[in-house]
C-alpha cells in the first residue's frame, strides 16, 4: 500500500498522506512518495489545483521520531529523498489547498503553512513543535501568519491550538464538520478553476510574494541561537518522547553560556 495516495478529478489532484498507523509522520518513504506526487502535479499540464489531506486522525504528525533515533540525527536530514519536492522547496507555482483532517504538528503544521488556502475539521489540533525539539522555538511562524505578537509568541513556545482558535485569528479559511472537509476543499478548488487562467496564476504568485519575511539580521540571530546550548538536548527530547518519559535536559555546556546568548549586534552583517 502506498503511503501517499493520489486521485484526479478533472484539473484537480487530491494528494493524501496515507500512513495512519504513524499519524502520517514524515519518514523517508512518505517524504519520497510525497515528492513524487507533487512533482507529477507540477509537471502535468492538465492539473491546476491540488487538495492536500491525510488519512486517519492526523493530517501529519511531523518528524518521524523513530527514524530520527535510528539515524542518530534530528529532523529529516541524513537520508535524502530521491527527488526534491516542489511543494516543500517553494518552487511549485500551482495553488495548493490544505484539507486538515486532524493533528497537524511540527512539520505537519509547516506544510499547512505552505498552502494557499486552508480548510480544517472542527477539533483539529495544531502545534509548532520546534521549541520542544530544537534549541530555538518556531519564532517565525506567527510572523508568517501575520498574527499579533502575543499569539505568535504562544505559537513559538509550542502551545497547542485548536482549529477553532486558528480560524478566529485568520490562519484557517473554513472550519467544517468531517463529512464536509473534502467537499469544501474541492468547492474552493472548483472556484479557482472558474477564474481566467492568467488571473489565477498571477494572483497566487502575487499573494505569495506579499507574505511576510524575516529580516536577514534576525535570520542570522536565529541561526546563532539554534546553536546556543547543549546540542545533545535535541536528541534527548526525541528519545524521551519515544520512551514516554520525562526528558533529562542539560541546557548549556557551560553554566555561564546561559547568560551570554548571541545578540543582533554580534550577528549583524553576517551571511
C-alpha atoms as a PDB file:
ATOM      1  CA  UNK A   1       0.000   0.000   0.000  1.00  0.00           C
ATOM      2  CA  UNK A   2       1.318   3.416  -0.935  1.00  0.00           C
ATOM      3  CA  UNK A   3       1.947   5.847   1.922  1.00  0.00           C
ATOM      4  CA  UNK A   4       0.866   8.717  -0.370  1.00  0.00           C
ATOM      5  CA  UNK A   5      -2.249   8.287  -2.497  1.00  0.00           C
ATOM      6  CA  UNK A   6      -3.363  10.494  -5.365  1.00  0.00           C
ATOM      7  CA  UNK A   7      -6.665  10.951  -7.176  1.00  0.00           C
ATOM      8  CA  UNK A   8      -7.523  13.063 -10.208  1.00  0.00           C
ATOM      9  CA  UNK A   9     -10.838  14.810 -10.696  1.00  0.00           C
ATOM     10  CA  UNK A  10     -10.539  16.818 -13.872  1.00  0.00           C
ATOM     11  CA  UNK A  11      -7.964  19.525 -13.246  1.00  0.00           C
ATOM     12  CA  UNK A  12      -7.889  18.864  -9.500  1.00  0.00           C
ATOM     13  CA  UNK A  13      -5.429  16.430  -7.893  1.00  0.00           C
ATOM     14  CA  UNK A  14      -6.040  15.166  -4.371  1.00  0.00           C
ATOM     15  CA  UNK A  15      -2.836  14.180  -2.573  1.00  0.00           C
ATOM     16  CA  UNK A  16      -3.439  12.155   0.576  1.00  0.00           C
ATOM     17  CA  UNK A  17      -0.847  11.138   3.158  1.00  0.00           C
ATOM     18  CA  UNK A  18      -1.660   7.511   3.965  1.00  0.00           C
ATOM     19  CA  UNK A  19       0.353   6.326   6.928  1.00  0.00           C
ATOM     20  CA  UNK A  20      -2.350   6.442   9.616  1.00  0.00           C
ATOM     21  CA  UNK A  21      -0.667   3.950  11.943  1.00  0.00           C
ATOM     22  CA  UNK A  22       2.144   6.519  12.360  1.00  0.00           C
ATOM     23  CA  UNK A  23      -0.160   9.565  12.204  1.00  0.00           C
ATOM     24  CA  UNK A  24       1.314  10.295   8.756  1.00  0.00           C
ATOM     25  CA  UNK A  25       4.702  11.100  10.293  1.00  0.00           C
ATOM     26  CA  UNK A  26       7.285  12.156   7.729  1.00  0.00           C
ATOM     27  CA  UNK A  27       9.568   9.165   7.396  1.00  0.00           C
ATOM     28  CA  UNK A  28      11.823   8.532   4.415  1.00  0.00           C
ATOM     29  CA  UNK A  29       9.233   6.592   2.414  1.00  0.00           C
ATOM     30  CA  UNK A  30       6.477   9.144   2.924  1.00  0.00           C
ATOM     31  CA  UNK A  31       8.748  12.074   2.069  1.00  0.00           C
ATOM     32  CA  UNK A  32       9.901  10.304  -1.096  1.00  0.00           C
ATOM     33  CA  UNK A  33       6.382   9.472  -2.287  1.00  0.00           C
ATOM     34  CA  UNK A  34       5.143  12.956  -1.413  1.00  0.00           C
ATOM     35  CA  UNK A  35       7.934  14.447  -3.543  1.00  0.00           C
ATOM     36  CA  UNK A  36       6.886  12.215  -6.426  1.00  0.00           C
ATOM     37  CA  UNK A  37       3.210  13.144  -6.093  1.00  0.00           C
ATOM     38  CA  UNK A  38       3.841  16.891  -6.064  1.00  0.00           C
ATOM     39  CA  UNK A  39       6.269  16.563  -8.975  1.00  0.00           C
ATOM     40  CA  UNK A  40       3.586  14.813 -11.015  1.00  0.00           C
ATOM     41  CA  UNK A  41       1.149  17.577 -10.068  1.00  0.00           C
ATOM     42  CA  UNK A  42       3.642  20.263 -11.091  1.00  0.00           C
ATOM     43  CA  UNK A  43       4.580  18.660 -14.411  1.00  0.00           C
ATOM     44  CA  UNK A  44       1.130  17.616 -15.671  1.00  0.00           C
ATOM     45  CA  UNK A  45      -0.290  20.476 -17.786  1.00  0.00           C
ATOM     46  CA  UNK A  46      -3.832  19.177 -17.241  1.00  0.00           C
ATOM     47  CA  UNK A  47      -3.633  19.626 -13.453  1.00  0.00           C
ATOM     48  CA  UNK A  48      -4.151  23.088 -11.983  1.00  0.00           C
ATOM     49  CA  UNK A  49      -5.099  22.822  -8.277  1.00  0.00           C
ATOM     50  CA  UNK A  50      -4.096  20.363  -5.544  1.00  0.00           C
ATOM     51  CA  UNK A  51      -6.077  19.396  -2.456  1.00  0.00           C
ATOM     52  CA  UNK A  52      -3.691  18.115   0.233  1.00  0.00           C
ATOM     53  CA  UNK A  53      -5.035  15.959   3.078  1.00  0.00           C
ATOM     54  CA  UNK A  54      -4.329  12.962   5.316  1.00  0.00           C
ATOM     55  CA  UNK A  55      -5.798   9.606   6.321  1.00  0.00           C
ATOM     56  CA  UNK A  56      -6.929   8.788   9.839  1.00  0.00           C
ATOM     57  CA  UNK A  57      -6.824  11.066  12.876  1.00  0.00           C
ATOM     58  CA  UNK A  58      -3.874  13.155  11.700  1.00  0.00           C
ATOM     59  CA  UNK A  59      -3.040  15.347   8.753  1.00  0.00           C
ATOM     60  CA  UNK A  60       0.641  14.919   9.614  1.00  0.00           C
ATOM     61  CA  UNK A  61       2.355  14.470  12.984  1.00  0.00           C
ATOM     62  CA  UNK A  62       5.600  15.925  11.643  1.00  0.00           C
ATOM     63  CA  UNK A  63       9.024  14.345  12.069  1.00  0.00           C
ATOM     64  CA  UNK A  64       9.217  10.562  12.404  1.00  0.00           C
ATOM     65  CA  UNK A  65      10.930  10.366  15.810  1.00  0.00           C
ATOM     66  CA  UNK A  66      11.654   6.649  15.468  1.00  0.00           C
ATOM     67  CA  UNK A  67      13.598   7.162  12.259  1.00  0.00           C
ATOM     68  CA  UNK A  68      15.469  10.121  13.779  1.00  0.00           C
ATOM     69  CA  UNK A  69      16.577   7.978  16.708  1.00  0.00           C
ATOM     70  CA  UNK A  70      17.623   5.147  14.389  1.00  0.00           C
ATOM     71  CA  UNK A  71      19.737   7.582  12.357  1.00  0.00           C
ATOM     72  CA  UNK A  72      21.042   9.406  15.398  1.00  0.00           C
ATOM     73  CA  UNK A  73      20.272  12.674  13.617  1.00  0.00           C
ATOM     74  CA  UNK A  74      17.360  15.008  14.441  1.00  0.00           C
ATOM     75  CA  UNK A  75      14.914  16.199  11.811  1.00  0.00           C
ATOM     76  CA  UNK A  76      14.585  14.912   8.272  1.00  0.00           C
ATOM     77  CA  UNK A  77      18.303  15.109   7.479  1.00  0.00           C
ATOM     78  CA  UNK A  78      20.646  12.211   7.000  1.00  0.00           C
ATOM     79  CA  UNK A  79      18.977  10.105   4.320  1.00  0.00           C
ATOM     80  CA  UNK A  80      17.924  12.382   1.446  1.00  0.00           C
ATOM     81  CA  UNK A  81      14.866  11.598  -0.654  1.00  0.00           C
ATOM     82  CA  UNK A  82      15.456  10.604  -4.255  1.00  0.00           C
ATOM     83  CA  UNK A  83      13.900  13.768  -5.669  1.00  0.00           C
ATOM     84  CA  UNK A  84      13.215  17.269  -4.436  1.00  0.00           C
ATOM     85  CA  UNK A  85       9.658  18.170  -3.501  1.00  0.00           C
ATOM     86  CA  UNK A  86       8.452  21.281  -5.377  1.00  0.00           C
ATOM     87  CA  UNK A  87       5.831  21.893  -2.697  1.00  0.00           C
ATOM     88  CA  UNK A  88       8.239  21.990   0.238  1.00  0.00           C
ATOM     89  CA  UNK A  89      11.128  23.694  -1.572  1.00  0.00           C
ATOM     90  CA  UNK A  90       8.950  26.615  -2.676  1.00  0.00           C
ATOM     91  CA  UNK A  91       9.177  26.073  -6.446  1.00  0.00           C
ATOM     92  CA  UNK A  92       5.586  24.925  -7.026  1.00  0.00           C
ATOM     93  CA  UNK A  93       3.641  27.623  -8.876  1.00  0.00           C
ATOM     94  CA  UNK A  94       0.217  25.955  -8.784  1.00  0.00           C
ATOM     95  CA  UNK A  95      -2.133  26.568  -5.820  1.00  0.00           C
ATOM     96  CA  UNK A  96      -2.493  24.031  -3.023  1.00  0.00           C
ATOM     97  CA  UNK A  97      -5.483  23.812  -0.678  1.00  0.00           C
ATOM     98  CA  UNK A  98      -4.987  22.104   2.693  1.00  0.00           C
ATOM     99  CA  UNK A  99      -7.813  19.879   3.910  1.00  0.00           C
ATOM    100  CA  UNK A 100      -6.739  19.299   7.513  1.00  0.00           C
ATOM    101  CA  UNK A 101      -8.436  16.191   8.851  1.00  0.00           C
ATOM    102  CA  UNK A 102      -6.759  16.051  12.287  1.00  0.00           C
ATOM    103  CA  UNK A 103      -3.472  16.682  14.067  1.00  0.00           C
ATOM    104  CA  UNK A 104      -1.037  18.987  12.232  1.00  0.00           C
ATOM    105  CA  UNK A 105       2.099  19.024  14.353  1.00  0.00           C
ATOM    106  CA  UNK A 106       5.611  20.314  13.732  1.00  0.00           C
ATOM    107  CA  UNK A 107       6.445  19.635  10.105  1.00  0.00           C
ATOM    108  CA  UNK A 108       2.759  18.932   9.507  1.00  0.00           C
ATOM    109  CA  UNK A 109       1.922  22.442  10.658  1.00  0.00           C
ATOM    110  CA  UNK A 110       4.645  23.814   8.382  1.00  0.00           C
ATOM    111  CA  UNK A 111       3.093  22.037   5.386  1.00  0.00           C
ATOM    112  CA  UNK A 112      -0.286  23.603   6.184  1.00  0.00           C
ATOM    113  CA  UNK A 113       1.516  26.924   6.450  1.00  0.00           C
ATOM    114  CA  UNK A 114       2.879  26.484   2.902  1.00  0.00           C
ATOM    115  CA  UNK A 115      -0.583  26.069   1.386  1.00  0.00           C
ATOM    116  CA  UNK A 116      -2.531  28.900  -0.210  1.00  0.00           C
ATOM    117  CA  UNK A 117      -5.971  28.149   1.269  1.00  0.00           C
ATOM    118  CA  UNK A 118      -6.902  26.044   4.312  1.00  0.00           C
ATOM    119  CA  UNK A 119      -9.942  24.048   5.393  1.00  0.00           C
ATOM    120  CA  UNK A 120      -9.908  22.200   8.728  1.00  0.00           C
ATOM    121  CA  UNK A 121     -12.265  19.962  10.641  1.00  0.00           C
ATOM    122  CA  UNK A 122     -13.568  21.207  13.954  1.00  0.00           C
ATOM    123  CA  UNK A 123     -11.410  19.932  16.785  1.00  0.00           C
ATOM    124  CA  UNK A 124      -8.241  19.512  14.712  1.00  0.00           C
ATOM    125  CA  UNK A 125      -5.119  20.245  16.762  1.00  0.00           C
ATOM    126  CA  UNK A 126      -2.164  22.319  15.560  1.00  0.00           C
ATOM    127  CA  UNK A 127       1.264  22.774  17.094  1.00  0.00           C
ATOM    128  CA  UNK A 128       4.615  24.220  16.102  1.00  0.00           C
ATOM    129  CA  UNK A 129       6.870  21.803  17.971  1.00  0.00           C
ATOM    130  CA  UNK A 130      10.290  23.393  17.403  1.00  0.00           C
ATOM    131  CA  UNK A 131      10.583  24.645  20.990  1.00  0.00           C
ATOM    132  CA  UNK A 132      10.226  21.023  22.169  1.00  0.00           C
ATOM    133  CA  UNK A 133      12.772  19.502  19.777  1.00  0.00           C
ATOM    134  CA  UNK A 134      15.430  22.126  18.985  1.00  0.00           C
ATOM    135  CA  UNK A 135      17.284  24.911  20.790  1.00  0.00           C
ATOM    136  CA  UNK A 136      15.042  27.656  19.423  1.00  0.00           C
ATOM    137  CA  UNK A 137      11.265  27.730  19.158  1.00  0.00           C
ATOM    138  CA  UNK A 138       9.306  28.453  15.999  1.00  0.00           C
ATOM    139  CA  UNK A 139       9.852  32.200  16.159  1.00  0.00           C
ATOM    140  CA  UNK A 140       8.944  32.831  12.510  1.00  0.00           C
ATOM    141  CA  UNK A 141       5.636  31.023  12.040  1.00  0.00           C
ATOM    142  CA  UNK A 142       3.355  33.513  13.749  1.00  0.00           C
ATOM    143  CA  UNK A 143       5.175  36.241  11.827  1.00  0.00           C
ATOM    144  CA  UNK A 144       4.490  34.481   8.528  1.00  0.00           C
ATOM    145  CA  UNK A 145       0.830  34.203   9.518  1.00  0.00           C
ATOM    146  CA  UNK A 146       0.587  37.880  10.423  1.00  0.00           C
ATOM    147  CA  UNK A 147      -0.500  37.061  13.986  1.00  0.00           C
ATOM    148  CA  UNK A 148      -0.405  39.520  16.895  1.00  0.00           C
ATOM    149  CA  UNK A 149       2.815  39.281  18.902  1.00  0.00           C
ATOM    150  CA  UNK A 150       1.372  37.515  21.999  1.00  0.00           C
ATOM    151  CA  UNK A 151      -0.240  34.823  19.831  1.00  0.00           C
ATOM    152  CA  UNK A 152       2.930  34.454  17.732  1.00  0.00           C
ATOM    153  CA  UNK A 153       4.868  34.024  20.990  1.00  0.00           C
ATOM    154  CA  UNK A 154       2.396  31.394  22.193  1.00  0.00           C
ATOM    155  CA  UNK A 155       2.871  29.557  18.906  1.00  0.00           C
ATOM    156  CA  UNK A 156       6.679  29.834  19.078  1.00  0.00           C
ATOM    157  CA  UNK A 157       6.747  28.330  22.582  1.00  0.00           C
ATOM    158  CA  UNK A 158       4.992  25.139  21.473  1.00  0.00           C
ATOM    159  CA  UNK A 159       1.484  25.680  22.831  1.00  0.00           C
ATOM    160  CA  UNK A 160      -1.249  23.780  21.060  1.00  0.00           C
ATOM    161  CA  UNK A 161      -4.008  25.487  19.099  1.00  0.00           C
ATOM    162  CA  UNK A 162      -7.406  24.181  18.118  1.00  0.00           C
ATOM    163  CA  UNK A 163      -8.750  24.657  14.620  1.00  0.00           C
ATOM    164  CA  UNK A 164     -11.399  26.905  16.131  1.00  0.00           C
ATOM    165  CA  UNK A 165      -8.753  29.228  17.612  1.00  0.00           C
ATOM    166  CA  UNK A 166      -6.762  29.404  14.377  1.00  0.00           C
ATOM    167  CA  UNK A 167      -9.947  30.111  12.449  1.00  0.00           C
ATOM    168  CA  UNK A 168     -10.641  33.032  14.784  1.00  0.00           C
ATOM    169  CA  UNK A 169      -7.197  34.559  14.191  1.00  0.00           C
ATOM    170  CA  UNK A 170      -7.415  34.091  10.411  1.00  0.00           C
ATOM    171  CA  UNK A 171      -4.967  31.221   9.854  1.00  0.00           C
ATOM    172  CA  UNK A 172      -7.726  28.924   8.537  1.00  0.00           C
ATOM    173  CA  UNK A 173     -10.212  29.875   5.807  1.00  0.00           C
ATOM    174  CA  UNK A 174     -13.005  27.385   6.516  1.00  0.00           C
ATOM    175  CA  UNK A 175     -13.998  25.364   9.578  1.00  0.00           C
ATOM    176  CA  UNK A 176     -16.186  22.338   8.800  1.00  0.00           C
ATOM    177  CA  UNK A 177     -17.532  19.018  10.012  1.00  0.00           C
ATOM    178  CA  UNK A 178     -15.552  15.930   8.920  1.00  0.00           C
ATOM    179  CA  UNK A 179     -18.020  14.926   6.204  1.00  0.00           C
ATOM    180  CA  UNK A 180     -17.726  18.371   4.651  1.00  0.00           C
ATOM    181  CA  UNK A 181     -13.915  18.560   4.616  1.00  0.00           C
ATOM    182  CA  UNK A 182     -13.100  17.321   1.122  1.00  0.00           C
ATOM    183  CA  UNK A 183     -16.303  18.644  -0.494  1.00  0.00           C
ATOM    184  CA  UNK A 184     -15.493  22.129   0.847  1.00  0.00           C
ATOM    185  CA  UNK A 185     -11.858  21.945  -0.288  1.00  0.00           C
ATOM    186  CA  UNK A 186     -12.935  20.775  -3.747  1.00  0.00           C
ATOM    187  CA  UNK A 187     -15.552  23.511  -3.950  1.00  0.00           C
ATOM    188  CA  UNK A 188     -12.797  26.053  -3.307  1.00  0.00           C
ATOM    189  CA  UNK A 189     -10.643  24.371  -5.968  1.00  0.00           C
ATOM    190  CA  UNK A 190     -13.532  24.499  -8.442  1.00  0.00           C
ATOM    191  CA  UNK A 191     -13.923  28.221  -7.767  1.00  0.00           C
ATOM    192  CA  UNK A 192     -10.256  28.753  -8.653  1.00  0.00           C
ATOM    193  CA  UNK A 193     -10.841  26.933 -11.937  1.00  0.00           C
ATOM    194  CA  UNK A 194     -13.624  29.372 -12.890  1.00  0.00           C
ATOM    195  CA  UNK A 195     -11.114  32.241 -12.929  1.00  0.00           C
ATOM    196  CA  UNK A 196      -9.281  33.260 -16.109  1.00  0.00           C
ATOM    197  CA  UNK A 197      -6.097  31.126 -16.081  1.00  0.00           C
ATOM    198  CA  UNK A 198      -3.764  34.122 -16.082  1.00  0.00           C
ATOM    199  CA  UNK A 199      -5.737  35.705 -13.244  1.00  0.00           C
ATOM    200  CA  UNK A 200      -5.442  32.568 -11.117  1.00  0.00           C
ATOM    201  CA  UNK A 201      -1.733  32.079 -11.778  1.00  0.00           C
ATOM    202  CA  UNK A 202      -0.784  35.737 -11.420  1.00  0.00           C
ATOM    203  CA  UNK A 203      -2.857  36.295  -8.289  1.00  0.00           C
ATOM    204  CA  UNK A 204      -1.439  33.247  -6.499  1.00  0.00           C
ATOM    205  CA  UNK A 205       2.052  34.424  -7.417  1.00  0.00           C
ATOM    206  CA  UNK A 206       1.349  37.955  -6.187  1.00  0.00           C
ATOM    207  CA  UNK A 207      -0.169  36.814  -2.892  1.00  0.00           C
ATOM    208  CA  UNK A 208       2.819  34.573  -2.206  1.00  0.00           C
ATOM    209  CA  UNK A 209       5.200  37.465  -2.815  1.00  0.00           C
ATOM    210  CA  UNK A 210       3.277  39.530  -0.261  1.00  0.00           C
ATOM    211  CA  UNK A 211       3.815  37.031   2.554  1.00  0.00           C
ATOM    212  CA  UNK A 212       5.807  38.476   5.484  1.00  0.00           C
ATOM    213  CA  UNK A 213       9.515  37.669   5.534  1.00  0.00           C
ATOM    214  CA  UNK A 214      12.016  37.594   8.399  1.00  0.00           C
ATOM    215  CA  UNK A 215      14.728  40.237   8.087  1.00  0.00           C
ATOM    216  CA  UNK A 216      18.247  38.887   7.289  1.00  0.00           C
ATOM    217  CA  UNK A 217      19.743  40.064  10.597  1.00  0.00           C
ATOM    218  CA  UNK A 218      17.008  38.247  12.512  1.00  0.00           C
ATOM    219  CA  UNK A 219      17.605  35.094  10.464  1.00  0.00           C
ATOM    220  CA  UNK A 220      21.300  35.330  11.353  1.00  0.00           C
ATOM    221  CA  UNK A 221      20.380  35.684  15.016  1.00  0.00           C
ATOM    222  CA  UNK A 222      18.048  32.684  14.782  1.00  0.00           C
ATOM    223  CA  UNK A 223      20.826  30.572  13.234  1.00  0.00           C
ATOM    224  CA  UNK A 224      23.157  31.528  16.081  1.00  0.00           C
ATOM    225  CA  UNK A 225      20.509  30.800  18.729  1.00  0.00           C
ATOM    226  CA  UNK A 226      19.853  27.389  17.153  1.00  0.00           C
ATOM    227  CA  UNK A 227      23.442  26.525  18.138  1.00  0.00           C
ATOM    228  CA  UNK A 228      23.381  28.207  21.559  1.00  0.00           C
ATOM    229  CA  UNK A 229      23.030  25.355  24.018  1.00  0.00           C
ATOM    230  CA  UNK A 230      23.900  21.713  24.556  1.00  0.00           C
ATOM    231  CA  UNK A 231      23.214  20.028  21.222  1.00  0.00           C
ATOM    232  CA  UNK A 232      22.610  16.695  22.939  1.00  0.00           C
ATOM    233  CA  UNK A 233      19.280  18.055  24.221  1.00  0.00           C
ATOM    234  CA  UNK A 234      17.911  17.814  20.677  1.00  0.00           C
ATOM    235  CA  UNK A 235      18.210  14.019  20.618  1.00  0.00           C
ATOM    236  CA  UNK A 236      17.263  13.741  24.290  1.00  0.00           C
ATOM    237  CA  UNK A 237      13.912  15.384  23.524  1.00  0.00           C
ATOM    238  CA  UNK A 238      13.257  12.774  20.846  1.00  0.00           C
ATOM    239  CA  UNK A 239      14.394   9.851  22.978  1.00  0.00           C
ATOM    240  CA  UNK A 240      12.187  10.966  25.871  1.00  0.00           C
ATOM    241  CA  UNK A 241       9.222  11.310  23.518  1.00  0.00           C
ATOM    242  CA  UNK A 242       9.759   7.823  22.069  1.00  0.00           C
ATOM    243  CA  UNK A 243      10.316   6.272  25.506  1.00  0.00           C
ATOM    244  CA  UNK A 244       7.387   8.159  27.067  1.00  0.00           C
ATOM    245  CA  UNK A 245       9.466   9.561  29.914  1.00  0.00           C
ATOM    246  CA  UNK A 246      10.470  12.938  31.312  1.00  0.00           C
ATOM    247  CA  UNK A 247      13.479  14.364  29.433  1.00  0.00           C
ATOM    248  CA  UNK A 248      16.792  14.964  31.203  1.00  0.00           C
ATOM    249  CA  UNK A 249      17.988  18.199  29.632  1.00  0.00           C
ATOM    250  CA  UNK A 250      21.468  19.680  30.148  1.00  0.00           C
ATOM    251  CA  UNK A 251      20.758  23.183  28.845  1.00  0.00           C
ATOM    252  CA  UNK A 252      24.254  24.568  28.246  1.00  0.00           C
ATOM    253  CA  UNK A 253      27.743  23.098  28.052  1.00  0.00           C
ATOM    254  CA  UNK A 254      28.907  25.771  30.468  1.00  0.00           C
ATOM    255  CA  UNK A 255      26.586  27.446  33.018  1.00  0.00           C
ATOM    256  CA  UNK A 256      27.916  30.865  32.039  1.00  0.00           C
ATOM    257  CA  UNK A 257      26.600  30.355  28.484  1.00  0.00           C
ATOM    258  CA  UNK A 258      23.085  30.776  29.874  1.00  0.00           C
ATOM    259  CA  UNK A 259      23.819  34.474  30.356  1.00  0.00           C
ATOM    260  CA  UNK A 260      25.800  35.061  27.172  1.00  0.00           C
ATOM    261  CA  UNK A 261      23.477  34.480  24.195  1.00  0.00           C
ATOM    262  CA  UNK A 262      24.149  35.764  20.684  1.00  0.00           C
ATOM    263  CA  UNK A 263      22.761  39.233  20.034  1.00  0.00           C
ATOM    264  CA  UNK A 264      21.638  41.149  16.972  1.00  0.00           C
ATOM    265  CA  UNK A 265      24.797  43.235  17.208  1.00  0.00           C
ATOM    266  CA  UNK A 266      27.028  40.166  17.231  1.00  0.00           C
ATOM    267  CA  UNK A 267      25.476  38.687  14.077  1.00  0.00           C
ATOM    268  CA  UNK A 268      24.634  41.840  12.131  1.00  0.00           C
ATOM    269  CA  UNK A 269      26.002  41.807   8.593  1.00  0.00           C
ATOM    270  CA  UNK A 270      26.872  38.102   8.584  1.00  0.00           C
ATOM    271  CA  UNK A 271      25.784  35.867   5.692  1.00  0.00           C
END
